[in-house]
Amino acid sequence: MKKGVGMENKKTDVTSDTTVESCEWLDLDAARDALLIDKNTILELVQQFLQDRAHYVEPLKGCLAQQDWKNLVAYAHRLKGTATNLRIYGLGEPALDLEKAAAEKSVRLCEEQLQIIEDRFTALAKIVERS
């Protein structure tokens, strides 16, 4: 099985020893193969994406607070697409689940997925920072 595929938002242990190479939420080799750029450039793109966290998370929070389901679906889809293109499965999969929960207008499921997304942004930023 490919790294990160089929995680279904299971809790994966991320410790202080976790590296970008060992993290199940991120597959730099798959990103390199898909995007045809070197690993260092991919890592720079991932770092920039993680630094832009507020551009992804804040609109999601705002839409959920307003129960703006249409835009919540759209913003979750945007996050899913960007994360998946960079092979950051640990964010792409919960973003997909958030997109589905928003389509179902489930506040509880949206809150759960948004919390997973926030936690993983934080954990991945720490992992990438150590690299």
C-alpha atoms as a PDB file:
ATOM      1  CA  MET A   1       0.000   0.000   0.000  1.00  0.00           C
ATOM      2  CA  LYS A   2       1.203   3.484  -0.818  1.00  0.00           C
ATOM      3  CA  LYS A   3       2.173   5.753   2.003  1.00  0.00           C
ATOM      4  CA  GLY A   4      -0.827   7.676   3.294  1.00  0.00           C
ATOM      5  CA  VAL A   5      -3.402   5.916   1.118  1.00  0.00           C
ATOM      6  CA  GLY A   6      -6.375   4.484   2.952  1.00  0.00           C
ATOM      7  CA  MET A   7      -5.582   6.208   6.222  1.00  0.00           C
ATOM      8  CA  GLU A   8      -9.273   7.018   6.763  1.00  0.00           C
ATOM      9  CA  ASN A   9      -8.266   9.620   9.340  1.00  0.00           C
ATOM     10  CA  LYS A  10      -6.886   7.042  11.712  1.00  0.00           C
ATOM     11  CA  LYS A  11      -4.687   8.504  14.390  1.00  0.00           C
ATOM     12  CA  THR A  12      -1.107   7.979  13.338  1.00  0.00           C
ATOM     13  CA  ASP A  13       1.587   8.480  15.918  1.00  0.00           C
ATOM     14  CA  VAL A  14       3.757  11.451  15.135  1.00  0.00           C
ATOM     15  CA  THR A  15       6.620  11.781  17.553  1.00  0.00           C
ATOM     16  CA  SER A  16       9.657  13.971  17.898  1.00  0.00           C
ATOM     17  CA  ASP A  17      11.476  11.276  15.898  1.00  0.00           C
ATOM     18  CA  THR A  18       9.106  11.483  12.932  1.00  0.00           C
ATOM     19  CA  THR A  19      10.794  12.825   9.805  1.00  0.00           C
ATOM     20  CA  VAL A  20       9.399  13.886   6.456  1.00  0.00           C
ATOM     21  CA  GLU A  21      10.649  10.543   5.123  1.00  0.00           C
ATOM     22  CA  SER A  22       8.935   8.466   7.817  1.00  0.00           C
ATOM     23  CA  CYS A  23       5.703  10.458   8.110  1.00  0.00           C
ATOM     24  CA  GLU A  24       2.706   8.533   6.761  1.00  0.00           C
ATOM     25  CA  TRP A  25       0.861  11.785   6.075  1.00  0.00           C
ATOM     26  CA  LEU A  26       3.355  13.002   3.485  1.00  0.00           C
ATOM     27  CA  ASP A  27       4.884  11.243   0.476  1.00  0.00           C
ATOM     28  CA  LEU A  28       7.683  13.323  -1.009  1.00  0.00           C
ATOM     29  CA  ASP A  29       8.687  10.536  -3.415  1.00  0.00           C
ATOM     30  CA  ALA A  30       5.187  10.362  -4.894  1.00  0.00           C
ATOM     31  CA  ALA A  31       5.115  14.168  -5.157  1.00  0.00           C
ATOM     32  CA  ARG A  32       8.493  14.147  -6.904  1.00  0.00           C
ATOM     33  CA  ASP A  33       7.296  11.509  -9.372  1.00  0.00           C
ATOM     34  CA  ALA A  34       4.015  13.308 -10.063  1.00  0.00           C
ATOM     35  CA  LEU A  35       5.331  16.863 -10.265  1.00  0.00           C
ATOM     36  CA  LEU A  36       8.681  16.040 -11.897  1.00  0.00           C
ATOM     37  CA  ILE A  37      10.673  18.315  -9.615  1.00  0.00           C
ATOM     38  CA  ASP A  38      13.393  17.552  -7.098  1.00  0.00           C
ATOM     39  CA  LYS A  39      12.703  16.728  -3.460  1.00  0.00           C
ATOM     40  CA  ASN A  40      14.150  19.991  -2.140  1.00  0.00           C
ATOM     41  CA  THR A  41      11.792  22.023  -4.317  1.00  0.00           C
ATOM     42  CA  ILE A  42       8.855  19.902  -3.188  1.00  0.00           C
ATOM     43  CA  LEU A  43       9.884  20.403   0.419  1.00  0.00           C
ATOM     44  CA  GLU A  44       9.954  24.177  -0.187  1.00  0.00           C
ATOM     45  CA  LEU A  45       6.442  24.004  -1.674  1.00  0.00           C
ATOM     46  CA  VAL A  46       5.243  21.975   1.302  1.00  0.00           C
ATOM     47  CA  GLN A  47       6.806  24.488   3.707  1.00  0.00           C
ATOM     48  CA  GLN A  48       5.079  27.372   1.918  1.00  0.00           C
ATOM     49  CA  PHE A  49       1.763  25.510   1.956  1.00  0.00           C
ATOM     50  CA  LEU A  50       2.075  24.880   5.696  1.00  0.00           C
ATOM     51  CA  GLN A  51       2.989  28.530   6.310  1.00  0.00           C
ATOM     52  CA  ASP A  52      -0.167  29.532   4.419  1.00  0.00           C
ATOM     53  CA  ARG A  53      -2.262  27.543   6.885  1.00  0.00           C
ATOM     54  CA  ALA A  54      -4.428  30.531   7.833  1.00  0.00           C
ATOM     55  CA  HIS A  55      -5.479  30.957   4.177  1.00  0.00           C
ATOM     56  CA  TYR A  56      -6.982  27.488   4.350  1.00  0.00           C
ATOM     57  CA  VAL A  57      -8.155  27.067   7.942  1.00  0.00           C
ATOM     58  CA  GLU A  58      -9.677  30.481   8.680  1.00  0.00           C
ATOM     59  CA  PRO A  59     -12.161  30.425   5.770  1.00  0.00           C
ATOM     60  CA  LEU A  60     -13.179  26.902   6.806  1.00  0.00           C
ATOM     61  CA  LYS A  61     -13.818  28.074  10.370  1.00  0.00           C
ATOM     62  CA  GLY A  62     -15.734  31.124   9.192  1.00  0.00           C
ATOM     63  CA  CYS A  63     -17.941  29.155   6.836  1.00  0.00           C
ATOM     64  CA  LEU A  64     -18.678  26.582   9.521  1.00  0.00           C
ATOM     65  CA  ALA A  65     -19.541  29.279  12.061  1.00  0.00           C
ATOM     66  CA  GLN A  66     -21.947  30.833   9.542  1.00  0.00           C
ATOM     67  CA  GLN A  67     -23.147  27.406   8.378  1.00  0.00           C
ATOM     68  CA  ASP A  68     -22.296  28.542   4.862  1.00  0.00           C
ATOM     69  CA  TRP A  69     -22.336  25.006   3.495  1.00  0.00           C
ATOM     70  CA  LYS A  70     -21.753  25.889  -0.153  1.00  0.00           C
ATOM     71  CA  ASN A  71     -18.564  27.821   0.557  1.00  0.00           C
ATOM     72  CA  LEU A  72     -17.444  25.325   3.189  1.00  0.00           C
ATOM     73  CA  VAL A  73     -17.624  22.596   0.545  1.00  0.00           C
ATOM     74  CA  ALA A  74     -15.660  24.811  -1.857  1.00  0.00           C
ATOM     75  CA  TYR A  75     -12.925  25.696   0.656  1.00  0.00           C
ATOM     76  CA  ALA A  76     -12.605  22.079   1.797  1.00  0.00           C
ATOM     77  CA  HIS A  77     -12.315  21.057  -1.865  1.00  0.00           C
ATOM     78  CA  ARG A  78      -9.571  23.675  -2.379  1.00  0.00           C
ATOM     79  CA  LEU A  79      -7.609  22.355   0.609  1.00  0.00           C
ATOM     80  CA  LYS A  80      -8.104  18.762  -0.520  1.00  0.00           C
ATOM     81  CA  GLY A  81      -6.826  19.557  -4.011  1.00  0.00           C
ATOM     82  CA  THR A  82      -3.737  21.446  -2.904  1.00  0.00           C
ATOM     83  CA  ALA A  83      -2.803  18.926  -0.220  1.00  0.00           C
ATOM     84  CA  THR A  84      -3.369  15.956  -2.519  1.00  0.00           C
ATOM     85  CA  ASN A  85      -1.350  17.509  -5.351  1.00  0.00           C
ATOM     86  CA  LEU A  86       1.551  17.875  -2.917  1.00  0.00           C
ATOM     87  CA  ARG A  87       0.873  14.311  -1.680  1.00  0.00           C
ATOM     88  CA  ILE A  88       0.110  15.530   1.832  1.00  0.00           C
ATOM     89  CA  TYR A  89      -2.411  12.775   2.428  1.00  0.00           C
ATOM     90  CA  GLY A  90      -2.694  13.619   6.115  1.00  0.00           C
ATOM     91  CA  LEU A  91      -4.482  16.832   5.135  1.00  0.00           C
ATOM     92  CA  GLY A  92      -6.066  15.751   1.860  1.00  0.00           C
ATOM     93  CA  GLU A  93      -8.070  12.914   3.366  1.00  0.00           C
ATOM     94  CA  PRO A  94      -9.643  14.857   6.263  1.00  0.00           C
ATOM     95  CA  ALA A  95     -10.325  17.712   3.817  1.00  0.00           C
ATOM     96  CA  LEU A  96     -12.263  15.235   1.662  1.00  0.00           C
ATOM     97  CA  ASP A  97     -14.156  14.074   4.748  1.00  0.00           C
ATOM     98  CA  LEU A  98     -14.863  17.714   5.647  1.00  0.00           C
ATOM     99  CA  GLU A  99     -16.129  18.333   2.124  1.00  0.00           C
ATOM    100  CA  LYS A 100     -18.521  15.374   2.468  1.00  0.00           C
ATOM    101  CA  ALA A 101     -19.638  16.426   5.960  1.00  0.00           C
ATOM    102  CA  ALA A 102     -20.342  19.957   4.726  1.00  0.00           C
ATOM    103  CA  ALA A 103     -22.376  18.579   1.834  1.00  0.00           C
ATOM    104  CA  GLU A 104     -24.406  16.674   4.444  1.00  0.00           C
ATOM    105  CA  LYS A 105     -24.635  19.835   6.593  1.00  0.00           C
ATOM    106  CA  SER A 106     -23.327  18.012   9.647  1.00  0.00           C
ATOM    107  CA  VAL A 107     -21.918  20.518  12.131  1.00  0.00           C
ATOM    108  CA  ARG A 108     -20.540  17.781  14.396  1.00  0.00           C
ATOM    109  CA  LEU A 109     -18.688  15.955  11.614  1.00  0.00           C
ATOM    110  CA  CYS A 110     -17.379  19.227  10.207  1.00  0.00           C
ATOM    111  CA  GLU A 111     -16.054  20.244  13.625  1.00  0.00           C
ATOM    112  CA  GLU A 112     -14.329  16.864  14.008  1.00  0.00           C
ATOM    113  CA  GLN A 113     -12.661  17.043  10.608  1.00  0.00           C
ATOM    114  CA  LEU A 114     -11.645  20.657  11.069  1.00  0.00           C
ATOM    115  CA  GLN A 115      -9.970  19.748  14.362  1.00  0.00           C
ATOM    116  CA  ILE A 116      -8.075  16.927  12.641  1.00  0.00           C
ATOM    117  CA  ILE A 117      -6.980  19.336   9.911  1.00  0.00           C
ATOM    118  CA  GLU A 118      -5.747  21.920  12.435  1.00  0.00           C
ATOM    119  CA  ASP A 119      -3.896  19.295  14.475  1.00  0.00           C
ATOM    120  CA  ARG A 120      -2.223  17.874  11.392  1.00  0.00           C
ATOM    121  CA  PHE A 121      -1.200  21.273  10.048  1.00  0.00           C
ATOM    122  CA  THR A 122       0.537  21.852  13.392  1.00  0.00           C
ATOM    123  CA  ALA A 123       2.179  18.423  13.510  1.00  0.00           C
ATOM    124  CA  LEU A 124       3.331  18.531   9.889  1.00  0.00           C
ATOM    125  CA  ALA A 125       4.769  22.027  10.298  1.00  0.00           C
ATOM    126  CA  LYS A 126       6.890  20.752  13.201  1.00  0.00           C
ATOM    127  CA  ILE A 127       8.062  17.733  11.212  1.00  0.00           C
ATOM    128  CA  VAL A 128       8.986  19.798   8.154  1.00  0.00           C
ATOM    129  CA  GLU A 129      10.674  22.448  10.323  1.00  0.00           C
ATOM    130  CA  ARG A 130      12.986  19.771  11.756  1.00  0.00           C
ATOM    131  CA  SER A 131      14.036  18.646   8.271  1.00  0.00           C
END
